Amino acid sequence: MCPFTVSRSSVVLAEFDDRYRPKPSIPFWPGLAKENRGTFIADRYVLPWVYWNLILQGRA
């Protein structure tokens, strides 16, 4: 997942496979590769919390 900050309140989350074709890891969230506020909130608040509190402690 590559987050690209587009503006102060929106992020585009781009995901690719090994041949640079779009391949989303969250299939139930349509439009992840489009600019919107939800991806900004996820990138700014949710993903850092998941990283520090779940992944580093071996629970995710």
Protein backbone atom coordinates (compact mmCIF):
# COMPACT_ATOMS: atom_id res chain seq x y z
CA MET A 1 0.00 0.00 0.00
CA CYS A 2 1.40 3.35 -1.06
CA PRO A 3 -0.31 6.38 0.46
CA PHE A 4 -0.09 9.50 -1.70
CA THR A 5 -1.15 12.69 0.05
CA VAL A 6 -3.16 14.70 -2.44
CA SER A 7 -4.28 17.59 -0.25
CA ARG A 8 -4.41 18.52 3.43
CA SER A 9 -7.47 16.32 3.93
CA SER A 10 -7.28 13.52 1.39
CA VAL A 11 -5.05 10.59 0.53
CA VAL A 12 -5.00 8.11 -2.34
CA LEU A 13 -4.03 4.58 -1.30
CA ALA A 14 -2.50 2.84 -4.30
CA GLU A 15 -1.83 -0.90 -4.23
CA PHE A 16 -0.12 -2.90 -6.95
CA ASP A 17 0.97 -6.45 -7.61
CA ASP A 18 4.43 -7.45 -8.84
CA ARG A 19 3.53 -6.45 -12.43
CA TYR A 20 2.29 -2.98 -11.39
CA ARG A 21 -1.37 -3.82 -11.94
CA PRO A 22 -3.85 -2.39 -9.42
CA LYS A 23 -4.63 -4.98 -6.75
CA PRO A 24 -6.56 -3.80 -3.69
CA SER A 25 -6.00 -5.68 -0.44
CA ILE A 26 -9.34 -4.56 0.99
CA PRO A 27 -11.90 -5.75 -1.56
CA PHE A 28 -14.96 -4.60 0.42
CA TRP A 29 -13.81 -0.93 0.39
CA PRO A 30 -14.48 0.27 -3.16
CA GLY A 31 -12.68 3.33 -4.34
CA LEU A 32 -9.55 3.05 -2.21
CA ALA A 33 -7.54 4.37 -5.13
CA LYS A 34 -9.71 7.49 -5.31
CA GLU A 35 -9.17 10.68 -3.39
CA ASN A 36 -11.44 10.91 -0.34
CA ARG A 37 -11.54 11.88 3.32
CA GLY A 38 -11.95 8.32 4.62
CA THR A 39 -8.58 7.22 3.32
CA PHE A 40 -6.99 10.28 4.96
CA ILE A 41 -8.48 9.33 8.33
CA ALA A 42 -7.36 5.73 7.90
CA ASP A 43 -3.82 6.76 6.95
CA ARG A 44 -3.53 9.42 9.65
CA TYR A 45 -5.12 7.70 12.65
CA VAL A 46 -6.08 4.05 12.11
CA LEU A 47 -3.02 2.59 10.36
CA PRO A 48 -0.45 4.03 12.82
CA TRP A 49 -2.48 2.67 15.74
CA VAL A 50 -2.67 -0.76 14.12
CA TYR A 51 1.08 -0.71 13.48
CA TRP A 52 2.15 0.34 16.98
CA ASN A 53 -0.44 -1.56 19.01
CA LEU A 54 -1.05 -4.74 17.03
CA ILE A 55 1.65 -5.50 14.47
CA LEU A 56 4.71 -4.73 16.62
CA GLN A 57 3.27 -6.69 19.51
CA GLY A 58 2.61 -9.71 17.29
CA ARG A 59 -1.19 -9.64 17.47
CA ALA A 60 -1.93 -8.89 13.81
